[in-house]
Amino acid sequence: VSVDLALYNASFRQCEQTSFSFYCAVRERLPVWLLEDMRGMEVFSWEDGHPRAFLPSEALLYALVHDHQDYARHLLDTYSVSALRAPRCSFCCRRSSGAPHLSVAVRYDRVAILGMMAAALKHGDSLTDYLESRGGCSHVADAGKTAVQLAVELSRPDCLLLLLAHGARPASLDAALQRLVSCEEAERSRAQRCLDFLLLFLPEPAAPRRLQDEPRRWQSLLGHQVFSWLCGLAPPPLLLQALRCLARSGPDQISTLPDFLQPHRLLRLDGEM
């Protein structure tokens, strides 16, 4: 028994060592072919008392953390949707629920890889369901949150625009308003962009209570016309409607506009007219 236990412990430690080696290799952004050779030949993980190779979905998490875009593209092109399956949680040893890759992409602001993930799912119900997935395990910081909620909380406007343009529900307007007035000055512009992107995709005005409680404050922040629209007192501003059409045709249509045509400038200007 002692011999078997010693072999078990030795195998477990070997898995830890090779797993860290693979982590370092992805961090150094080694060539894709070398990483895939390592993943296929080495034993990296420990599951149900036995060593096994890393799954493509586990390798994709490493690629996301270290922004190895070539490796992420290879994994998504080769394994498609299976590369986005939730791997087993290393903390509670259960199969994770939700969409951990989505949460990691937003948390680390990996816009390029997030776009690849959306492309791998194409369009339709599978993409919409994936974008609306919530964080799984209760011990994870993002548990119960959608990617849109996370993007608003972390002020990730580029991620948020991509999610909304691919069909994610424009929720968390109240959180976006709160973020705008509570964040640090250095983050204010990103929080403002998140709010404006939500407004571009909001189907109907739904004024949070905070707008009615402090109308003067929010009119000065949002502009009179946007404030009136959110409160159901006026139709959406013309500039907002024009930007909506542009945004819904693809995230690149907004992100490539020059700065003076960005929503955070035009919507404030429209409110002053």
C-alpha atoms as a PDB file:
ATOM      1  CA  VAL A   1       0.000   0.000   0.000  1.00  0.00           C
ATOM      2  CA  SER A   2       2.827   2.385   0.873  1.00  0.00           C
ATOM      3  CA  VAL A   3       4.417   1.755  -2.541  1.00  0.00           C
ATOM      4  CA  ASP A   4       1.129   2.469  -4.313  1.00  0.00           C
ATOM      5  CA  LEU A   5       0.662   5.641  -2.282  1.00  0.00           C
ATOM      6  CA  ALA A   6       4.174   6.790  -3.101  1.00  0.00           C
ATOM      7  CA  LEU A   7       3.551   6.194  -6.830  1.00  0.00           C
ATOM      8  CA  TYR A   8       0.214   8.018  -6.573  1.00  0.00           C
ATOM      9  CA  ASN A   9       1.839  11.031  -4.922  1.00  0.00           C
ATOM     10  CA  ALA A  10       4.694  11.015  -7.429  1.00  0.00           C
ATOM     11  CA  SER A  11       2.246  10.975 -10.343  1.00  0.00           C
ATOM     12  CA  PHE A  12       0.217  13.785  -8.782  1.00  0.00           C
ATOM     13  CA  ARG A  13       3.315  15.941  -8.310  1.00  0.00           C
ATOM     14  CA  GLN A  14       4.379  15.214 -11.882  1.00  0.00           C
ATOM     15  CA  CYS A  15       1.003  16.459 -13.095  1.00  0.00           C
ATOM     16  CA  GLU A  16       1.445  19.667 -11.129  1.00  0.00           C
ATOM     17  CA  GLN A  17       4.909  20.213 -12.588  1.00  0.00           C
ATOM     18  CA  THR A  18       3.920  19.569 -16.190  1.00  0.00           C
ATOM     19  CA  SER A  19       0.782  21.670 -15.757  1.00  0.00           C
ATOM     20  CA  PHE A  20       2.909  24.612 -14.625  1.00  0.00           C
ATOM     21  CA  SER A  21       5.299  24.021 -17.537  1.00  0.00           C
ATOM     22  CA  PHE A  22       2.388  24.211 -19.960  1.00  0.00           C
ATOM     23  CA  TYR A  23       1.107  27.357 -18.250  1.00  0.00           C
ATOM     24  CA  CYS A  24       4.534  28.957 -18.702  1.00  0.00           C
ATOM     25  CA  ALA A  25       4.707  27.841 -22.327  1.00  0.00           C
ATOM     26  CA  VAL A  26       1.372  29.532 -23.110  1.00  0.00           C
ATOM     27  CA  ARG A  27       2.445  32.599 -21.127  1.00  0.00           C
ATOM     28  CA  GLU A  28       5.572  32.847 -23.270  1.00  0.00           C
ATOM     29  CA  ARG A  29       3.339  32.479 -26.343  1.00  0.00           C
ATOM     30  CA  LEU A  30       5.291  29.617 -27.818  1.00  0.00           C
ATOM     31  CA  PRO A  31       4.263  28.434 -31.313  1.00  0.00           C
ATOM     32  CA  VAL A  32       0.895  26.723 -31.630  1.00  0.00           C
ATOM     33  CA  TRP A  33       2.333  23.455 -32.973  1.00  0.00           C
ATOM     34  CA  LEU A  34       4.649  23.162 -29.972  1.00  0.00           C
ATOM     35  CA  LEU A  35       1.873  23.846 -27.479  1.00  0.00           C
ATOM     36  CA  GLU A  36      -0.355  21.240 -29.100  1.00  0.00           C
ATOM     37  CA  ASP A  37       2.489  18.709 -29.078  1.00  0.00           C
ATOM     38  CA  MET A  38       2.952  19.368 -25.385  1.00  0.00           C
ATOM     39  CA  ARG A  39      -0.765  19.129 -24.668  1.00  0.00           C
ATOM     40  CA  GLY A  40      -1.091  15.845 -26.544  1.00  0.00           C
ATOM     41  CA  MET A  41       2.032  14.150 -25.241  1.00  0.00           C
ATOM     42  CA  GLU A  42       2.335  15.318 -21.635  1.00  0.00           C
ATOM     43  CA  VAL A  43       0.102  14.527 -18.657  1.00  0.00           C
ATOM     44  CA  PHE A  44      -1.114  17.762 -17.091  1.00  0.00           C
ATOM     45  CA  SER A  45      -4.235  17.119 -15.067  1.00  0.00           C
ATOM     46  CA  TRP A  46      -5.470  14.812 -12.319  1.00  0.00           C
ATOM     47  CA  GLU A  47      -9.029  13.526 -12.414  1.00  0.00           C
ATOM     48  CA  ASP A  48     -10.743  10.744 -10.437  1.00  0.00           C
ATOM     49  CA  GLY A  49      -7.398   9.436  -9.226  1.00  0.00           C
ATOM     50  CA  HIS A  50      -5.834   9.238 -12.688  1.00  0.00           C
ATOM     51  CA  PRO A  51      -3.643  11.551 -14.766  1.00  0.00           C
ATOM     52  CA  ARG A  52      -4.887  12.806 -18.113  1.00  0.00           C
ATOM     53  CA  ALA A  53      -3.960  15.301 -20.817  1.00  0.00           C
ATOM     54  CA  PHE A  54      -5.358  18.827 -20.866  1.00  0.00           C
ATOM     55  CA  LEU A  55      -8.640  19.276 -22.739  1.00  0.00           C
ATOM     56  CA  PRO A  56      -8.913  21.914 -25.490  1.00  0.00           C
ATOM     57  CA  SER A  57     -11.300  23.869 -23.246  1.00  0.00           C
ATOM     58  CA  GLU A  58      -8.694  23.974 -20.483  1.00  0.00           C
ATOM     59  CA  ALA A  59      -5.993  25.076 -22.905  1.00  0.00           C
ATOM     60  CA  LEU A  60      -8.299  27.840 -24.161  1.00  0.00           C
ATOM     61  CA  LEU A  61      -8.551  29.240 -20.636  1.00  0.00           C
ATOM     62  CA  TYR A  62      -4.761  29.541 -20.552  1.00  0.00           C
ATOM     63  CA  ALA A  63      -4.794  31.189 -23.986  1.00  0.00           C
ATOM     64  CA  LEU A  64      -7.359  33.704 -22.709  1.00  0.00           C
ATOM     65  CA  VAL A  65      -5.439  34.573 -19.570  1.00  0.00           C
ATOM     66  CA  HIS A  66      -2.233  35.201 -21.527  1.00  0.00           C
ATOM     67  CA  ASP A  67      -3.883  36.627 -24.665  1.00  0.00           C
ATOM     68  CA  HIS A  68      -2.287  34.014 -26.934  1.00  0.00           C
ATOM     69  CA  GLN A  69      -4.546  34.822 -29.878  1.00  0.00           C
ATOM     70  CA  ASP A  70      -2.943  32.406 -32.345  1.00  0.00           C
ATOM     71  CA  TYR A  71      -3.408  29.495 -29.965  1.00  0.00           C
ATOM     72  CA  ALA A  72      -6.988  30.515 -29.173  1.00  0.00           C
ATOM     73  CA  ARG A  73      -7.767  30.726 -32.893  1.00  0.00           C
ATOM     74  CA  HIS A  74      -6.306  27.261 -33.479  1.00  0.00           C
ATOM     75  CA  LEU A  75      -8.284  25.700 -30.630  1.00  0.00           C
ATOM     76  CA  LEU A  76     -11.551  27.292 -31.764  1.00  0.00           C
ATOM     77  CA  ASP A  77     -10.987  26.472 -35.451  1.00  0.00           C
ATOM     78  CA  THR A  78     -10.012  22.872 -34.695  1.00  0.00           C
ATOM     79  CA  TYR A  79     -12.391  21.959 -31.869  1.00  0.00           C
ATOM     80  CA  SER A  80     -15.141  24.534 -32.402  1.00  0.00           C
ATOM     81  CA  VAL A  81     -17.839  24.499 -29.706  1.00  0.00           C
ATOM     82  CA  SER A  82     -16.146  21.741 -27.703  1.00  0.00           C
ATOM     83  CA  ALA A  83     -13.330  24.181 -26.896  1.00  0.00           C
ATOM     84  CA  LEU A  84     -15.922  26.311 -25.091  1.00  0.00           C
ATOM     85  CA  ARG A  85     -17.302  23.573 -22.869  1.00  0.00           C
ATOM     86  CA  ALA A  86     -16.982  24.271 -19.169  1.00  0.00           C
ATOM     87  CA  PRO A  87     -14.163  22.118 -17.738  1.00  0.00           C
ATOM     88  CA  ARG A  88     -14.248  20.528 -14.325  1.00  0.00           C
ATOM     89  CA  CYS A  89     -13.699  23.034 -11.519  1.00  0.00           C
ATOM     90  CA  SER A  90     -10.302  22.460  -9.916  1.00  0.00           C
ATOM     91  CA  PHE A  91     -11.573  23.742  -6.561  1.00  0.00           C
ATOM     92  CA  CYS A  92     -14.717  21.665  -6.017  1.00  0.00           C
ATOM     93  CA  CYS A  93     -13.911  18.944  -8.604  1.00  0.00           C
ATOM     94  CA  ARG A  94     -17.340  19.250 -10.205  1.00  0.00           C
ATOM     95  CA  ARG A  95     -18.110  19.945 -13.831  1.00  0.00           C
ATOM     96  CA  SER A  96     -18.444  23.710 -14.065  1.00  0.00           C
ATOM     97  CA  SER A  97     -21.660  25.219 -15.274  1.00  0.00           C
ATOM     98  CA  GLY A  98     -22.144  28.469 -17.113  1.00  0.00           C
ATOM     99  CA  ALA A  99     -19.538  29.876 -19.465  1.00  0.00           C
ATOM    100  CA  PRO A 100     -16.184  30.317 -17.688  1.00  0.00           C
ATOM    101  CA  HIS A 101     -14.414  31.215 -20.940  1.00  0.00           C
ATOM    102  CA  LEU A 102     -16.824  34.105 -21.406  1.00  0.00           C
ATOM    103  CA  SER A 103     -16.200  35.405 -17.890  1.00  0.00           C
ATOM    104  CA  VAL A 104     -12.420  35.135 -18.290  1.00  0.00           C
ATOM    105  CA  ALA A 105     -12.533  36.912 -21.655  1.00  0.00           C
ATOM    106  CA  VAL A 106     -14.439  39.848 -20.128  1.00  0.00           C
ATOM    107  CA  ARG A 107     -12.428  39.970 -16.896  1.00  0.00           C
ATOM    108  CA  TYR A 108      -9.105  40.095 -18.785  1.00  0.00           C
ATOM    109  CA  ASP A 109     -10.565  42.316 -21.547  1.00  0.00           C
ATOM    110  CA  ARG A 110      -9.670  39.866 -24.336  1.00  0.00           C
ATOM    111  CA  VAL A 111     -11.791  41.478 -27.043  1.00  0.00           C
ATOM    112  CA  ALA A 112     -10.118  39.744 -29.994  1.00  0.00           C
ATOM    113  CA  ILE A 113     -10.528  36.238 -28.546  1.00  0.00           C
ATOM    114  CA  LEU A 114     -14.063  37.065 -27.426  1.00  0.00           C
ATOM    115  CA  GLY A 115     -14.862  37.814 -31.066  1.00  0.00           C
ATOM    116  CA  MET A 116     -13.377  34.461 -32.095  1.00  0.00           C
ATOM    117  CA  MET A 117     -15.566  32.706 -29.520  1.00  0.00           C
ATOM    118  CA  ALA A 118     -18.684  34.373 -30.849  1.00  0.00           C
ATOM    119  CA  ALA A 119     -17.697  33.429 -34.413  1.00  0.00           C
ATOM    120  CA  ALA A 120     -17.212  29.791 -33.376  1.00  0.00           C
ATOM    121  CA  LEU A 121     -20.804  29.678 -32.165  1.00  0.00           C
ATOM    122  CA  LYS A 122     -22.013  31.408 -35.336  1.00  0.00           C
ATOM    123  CA  HIS A 123     -25.501  32.830 -34.865  1.00  0.00           C
ATOM    124  CA  GLY A 124     -28.869  31.749 -33.532  1.00  0.00           C
ATOM    125  CA  ASP A 125     -30.019  30.186 -30.302  1.00  0.00           C
ATOM    126  CA  SER A 126     -26.694  28.580 -29.383  1.00  0.00           C
ATOM    127  CA  LEU A 127     -24.899  31.937 -29.457  1.00  0.00           C
ATOM    128  CA  THR A 128     -27.683  33.750 -27.588  1.00  0.00           C
ATOM    129  CA  ASP A 129     -27.882  31.063 -24.903  1.00  0.00           C
ATOM    130  CA  TYR A 130     -24.119  31.125 -24.484  1.00  0.00           C
ATOM    131  CA  LEU A 131     -23.966  34.916 -24.154  1.00  0.00           C
ATOM    132  CA  GLU A 132     -26.739  34.788 -21.539  1.00  0.00           C
ATOM    133  CA  SER A 133     -24.999  32.093 -19.467  1.00  0.00           C
ATOM    134  CA  ARG A 134     -24.272  32.922 -15.844  1.00  0.00           C
ATOM    135  CA  GLY A 135     -21.193  32.120 -13.811  1.00  0.00           C
ATOM    136  CA  GLY A 136     -21.460  28.690 -12.214  1.00  0.00           C
ATOM    137  CA  CYS A 137     -19.736  27.585  -9.011  1.00  0.00           C
ATOM    138  CA  SER A 138     -20.725  29.642  -5.967  1.00  0.00           C
ATOM    139  CA  HIS A 139     -17.121  30.117  -4.817  1.00  0.00           C
ATOM    140  CA  VAL A 140     -16.165  31.901  -8.065  1.00  0.00           C
ATOM    141  CA  ALA A 141     -16.231  35.716  -8.029  1.00  0.00           C
ATOM    142  CA  ASP A 142     -18.387  35.836 -11.179  1.00  0.00           C
ATOM    143  CA  ALA A 143     -21.006  33.349  -9.944  1.00  0.00           C
ATOM    144  CA  GLY A 144     -24.530  34.183 -11.078  1.00  0.00           C
ATOM    145  CA  LYS A 145     -23.455  37.025 -13.371  1.00  0.00           C
ATOM    146  CA  THR A 146     -23.873  37.261 -17.111  1.00  0.00           C
ATOM    147  CA  ALA A 147     -21.047  38.515 -19.283  1.00  0.00           C
ATOM    148  CA  VAL A 148     -22.932  41.801 -19.806  1.00  0.00           C
ATOM    149  CA  GLN A 149     -23.236  42.338 -16.057  1.00  0.00           C
ATOM    150  CA  LEU A 150     -19.547  41.610 -15.618  1.00  0.00           C
ATOM    151  CA  ALA A 151     -18.555  43.954 -18.453  1.00  0.00           C
ATOM    152  CA  VAL A 152     -20.564  46.772 -16.854  1.00  0.00           C
ATOM    153  CA  GLU A 153     -19.151  46.146 -13.371  1.00  0.00           C
ATOM    154  CA  LEU A 154     -15.560  46.064 -14.647  1.00  0.00           C
ATOM    155  CA  SER A 155     -16.044  48.884 -17.191  1.00  0.00           C
ATOM    156  CA  ARG A 156     -15.109  46.835 -20.253  1.00  0.00           C
ATOM    157  CA  PRO A 157     -16.793  48.859 -23.029  1.00  0.00           C
ATOM    158  CA  ASP A 158     -15.229  47.036 -26.000  1.00  0.00           C
ATOM    159  CA  CYS A 159     -16.272  43.655 -24.623  1.00  0.00           C
ATOM    160  CA  LEU A 160     -19.728  45.016 -23.855  1.00  0.00           C
ATOM    161  CA  LEU A 161     -20.225  46.357 -27.377  1.00  0.00           C
ATOM    162  CA  LEU A 162     -19.203  43.036 -28.900  1.00  0.00           C
ATOM    163  CA  LEU A 163     -21.573  41.107 -26.605  1.00  0.00           C
ATOM    164  CA  LEU A 164     -24.507  43.398 -27.344  1.00  0.00           C
ATOM    165  CA  ALA A 165     -23.873  43.405 -31.096  1.00  0.00           C
ATOM    166  CA  HIS A 166     -23.967  39.590 -31.094  1.00  0.00           C
ATOM    167  CA  GLY A 167     -27.321  39.427 -29.327  1.00  0.00           C
ATOM    168  CA  ALA A 168     -26.687  39.609 -25.580  1.00  0.00           C
ATOM    169  CA  ARG A 169     -29.503  41.256 -23.624  1.00  0.00           C
ATOM    170  CA  PRO A 170     -28.764  44.912 -22.700  1.00  0.00           C
ATOM    171  CA  ALA A 171     -29.318  44.462 -18.964  1.00  0.00           C
ATOM    172  CA  SER A 172     -27.681  46.221 -15.999  1.00  0.00           C
ATOM    173  CA  LEU A 173     -28.667  49.792 -16.868  1.00  0.00           C
ATOM    174  CA  ASP A 174     -29.050  50.605 -13.179  1.00  0.00           C
ATOM    175  CA  ALA A 175     -25.606  49.122 -12.459  1.00  0.00           C
ATOM    176  CA  ALA A 176     -24.118  51.172 -15.302  1.00  0.00           C
ATOM    177  CA  LEU A 177     -25.594  54.384 -13.874  1.00  0.00           C
ATOM    178  CA  GLN A 178     -24.275  53.555 -10.425  1.00  0.00           C
ATOM    179  CA  ARG A 179     -20.858  52.736 -11.862  1.00  0.00           C
ATOM    180  CA  LEU A 180     -20.727  56.081 -13.625  1.00  0.00           C
ATOM    181  CA  VAL A 181     -21.117  58.069 -10.408  1.00  0.00           C
ATOM    182  CA  SER A 182     -19.102  55.814  -8.089  1.00  0.00           C
ATOM    183  CA  CYS A 183     -16.003  54.869 -10.090  1.00  0.00           C
ATOM    184  CA  GLU A 184     -12.618  56.560  -9.924  1.00  0.00           C
ATOM    185  CA  GLU A 185     -11.926  59.473 -12.246  1.00  0.00           C
ATOM    186  CA  ALA A 186      -9.474  57.388 -14.307  1.00  0.00           C
ATOM    187  CA  GLU A 187     -12.248  54.909 -15.095  1.00  0.00           C
ATOM    188  CA  ARG A 188     -14.996  57.454 -15.755  1.00  0.00           C
ATOM    189  CA  SER A 189     -14.650  57.501 -19.543  1.00  0.00           C
ATOM    190  CA  ARG A 190     -14.890  53.692 -19.792  1.00  0.00           C
ATOM    191  CA  ALA A 191     -17.925  53.652 -17.502  1.00  0.00           C
ATOM    192  CA  GLN A 192     -19.514  56.356 -19.669  1.00  0.00           C
ATOM    193  CA  ARG A 193     -18.932  54.305 -22.814  1.00  0.00           C
ATOM    194  CA  CYS A 194     -20.508  51.242 -21.180  1.00  0.00           C
ATOM    195  CA  LEU A 195     -23.613  53.263 -20.333  1.00  0.00           C
ATOM    196  CA  ASP A 196     -23.861  54.677 -23.851  1.00  0.00           C
ATOM    197  CA  PHE A 197     -23.528  51.234 -25.453  1.00  0.00           C
ATOM    198  CA  LEU A 198     -26.350  49.927 -23.275  1.00  0.00           C
ATOM    199  CA  LEU A 199     -28.501  52.857 -24.404  1.00  0.00           C
ATOM    200  CA  LEU A 200     -27.800  52.018 -28.049  1.00  0.00           C
ATOM    201  CA  PHE A 201     -29.245  48.528 -27.610  1.00  0.00           C
ATOM    202  CA  LEU A 202     -31.963  49.208 -25.039  1.00  0.00           C
ATOM    203  CA  PRO A 203     -35.266  48.248 -26.757  1.00  0.00           C
ATOM    204  CA  GLU A 204     -37.577  50.345 -24.574  1.00  0.00           C
ATOM    205  CA  PRO A 205     -36.918  53.049 -22.003  1.00  0.00           C
ATOM    206  CA  ALA A 206     -37.003  51.695 -18.459  1.00  0.00           C
ATOM    207  CA  ALA A 207     -36.045  54.435 -16.043  1.00  0.00           C
ATOM    208  CA  PRO A 208     -34.398  53.179 -12.853  1.00  0.00           C
ATOM    209  CA  ARG A 209     -35.768  54.741  -9.679  1.00  0.00           C
ATOM    210  CA  ARG A 210     -32.562  56.688  -9.165  1.00  0.00           C
ATOM    211  CA  LEU A 211     -33.380  58.887 -12.197  1.00  0.00           C
ATOM    212  CA  GLN A 212     -36.682  59.971 -10.678  1.00  0.00           C
ATOM    213  CA  ASP A 213     -35.156  60.531  -7.245  1.00  0.00           C
ATOM    214  CA  GLU A 214     -32.454  62.901  -8.526  1.00  0.00           C
ATOM    215  CA  PRO A 215     -33.706  64.338 -11.834  1.00  0.00           C
ATOM    216  CA  ARG A 216     -31.433  67.399 -11.895  1.00  0.00           C
ATOM    217  CA  ARG A 217     -28.300  65.379 -11.312  1.00  0.00           C
ATOM    218  CA  TRP A 218     -29.101  62.841 -14.015  1.00  0.00           C
ATOM    219  CA  GLN A 219     -30.239  65.404 -16.561  1.00  0.00           C
ATOM    220  CA  SER A 220     -26.835  67.051 -16.279  1.00  0.00           C
ATOM    221  CA  LEU A 221     -25.054  63.699 -16.686  1.00  0.00           C
ATOM    222  CA  LEU A 222     -27.214  62.184 -19.433  1.00  0.00           C
ATOM    223  CA  GLY A 223     -28.425  65.246 -21.272  1.00  0.00           C
ATOM    224  CA  HIS A 224     -32.044  66.422 -21.314  1.00  0.00           C
ATOM    225  CA  GLN A 225     -33.205  64.385 -24.326  1.00  0.00           C
ATOM    226  CA  VAL A 226     -31.693  61.071 -23.207  1.00  0.00           C
ATOM    227  CA  PHE A 227     -33.025  61.628 -19.684  1.00  0.00           C
ATOM    228  CA  SER A 228     -36.520  62.414 -21.010  1.00  0.00           C
ATOM    229  CA  TRP A 229     -36.473  59.317 -23.227  1.00  0.00           C
ATOM    230  CA  LEU A 230     -35.441  57.033 -20.369  1.00  0.00           C
ATOM    231  CA  CYS A 231     -38.244  58.465 -18.236  1.00  0.00           C
ATOM    232  CA  GLY A 232     -40.774  57.858 -21.018  1.00  0.00           C
ATOM    233  CA  LEU A 233     -41.406  61.544 -21.566  1.00  0.00           C
ATOM    234  CA  ALA A 234     -40.026  61.864 -25.106  1.00  0.00           C
ATOM    235  CA  PRO A 235     -39.041  59.735 -28.118  1.00  0.00           C
ATOM    236  CA  PRO A 236     -35.414  58.646 -28.445  1.00  0.00           C
ATOM    237  CA  PRO A 237     -33.098  61.403 -29.725  1.00  0.00           C
ATOM    238  CA  LEU A 238     -32.432  61.334 -33.460  1.00  0.00           C
ATOM    239  CA  LEU A 239     -28.700  60.887 -32.962  1.00  0.00           C
ATOM    240  CA  LEU A 240     -29.373  57.921 -30.682  1.00  0.00           C
ATOM    241  CA  GLN A 241     -31.579  56.298 -33.326  1.00  0.00           C
ATOM    242  CA  ALA A 242     -28.932  56.819 -36.008  1.00  0.00           C
ATOM    243  CA  LEU A 243     -26.189  55.346 -33.817  1.00  0.00           C
ATOM    244  CA  ARG A 244     -28.440  52.392 -32.976  1.00  0.00           C
ATOM    245  CA  CYS A 245     -28.733  51.404 -36.623  1.00  0.00           C
ATOM    246  CA  LEU A 246     -24.975  51.657 -36.993  1.00  0.00           C
ATOM    247  CA  ALA A 247     -24.190  49.679 -33.836  1.00  0.00           C
ATOM    248  CA  ARG A 248     -26.537  46.821 -34.645  1.00  0.00           C
ATOM    249  CA  SER A 249     -24.852  46.260 -37.992  1.00  0.00           C
ATOM    250  CA  GLY A 250     -21.693  45.146 -36.154  1.00  0.00           C
ATOM    251  CA  PRO A 251     -19.393  46.246 -33.327  1.00  0.00           C
ATOM    252  CA  ASP A 252     -16.725  47.464 -35.740  1.00  0.00           C
ATOM    253  CA  GLN A 253     -19.097  50.079 -37.118  1.00  0.00           C
ATOM    254  CA  ILE A 254     -19.025  51.987 -33.820  1.00  0.00           C
ATOM    255  CA  SER A 255     -15.504  51.232 -32.610  1.00  0.00           C
ATOM    256  CA  THR A 256     -13.922  52.535 -35.827  1.00  0.00           C
ATOM    257  CA  LEU A 257     -15.699  55.896 -35.741  1.00  0.00           C
ATOM    258  CA  PRO A 258     -13.436  58.874 -35.017  1.00  0.00           C
ATOM    259  CA  ASP A 259     -13.561  60.132 -31.444  1.00  0.00           C
ATOM    260  CA  PHE A 260     -15.758  63.159 -32.178  1.00  0.00           C
ATOM    261  CA  LEU A 261     -18.453  60.810 -33.556  1.00  0.00           C
ATOM    262  CA  GLN A 262     -18.388  58.373 -30.623  1.00  0.00           C
ATOM    263  CA  PRO A 263     -21.661  57.969 -28.655  1.00  0.00           C
ATOM    264  CA  HIS A 264     -20.228  59.465 -25.452  1.00  0.00           C
ATOM    265  CA  ARG A 265     -19.743  62.755 -27.326  1.00  0.00           C
ATOM    266  CA  LEU A 266     -22.782  62.765 -29.606  1.00  0.00           C
ATOM    267  CA  LEU A 267     -25.344  61.813 -26.967  1.00  0.00           C
ATOM    268  CA  ARG A 268     -24.150  64.550 -24.614  1.00  0.00           C
ATOM    269  CA  LEU A 269     -24.127  67.044 -27.511  1.00  0.00           C
ATOM    270  CA  ASP A 270     -27.618  66.006 -28.560  1.00  0.00           C
ATOM    271  CA  GLY A 271     -28.813  66.603 -25.019  1.00  0.00           C
ATOM    272  CA  GLU A 272     -27.577  70.211 -25.143  1.00  0.00           C
ATOM    273  CA  MET A 273     -29.315  71.103 -28.381  1.00  0.00           C
END
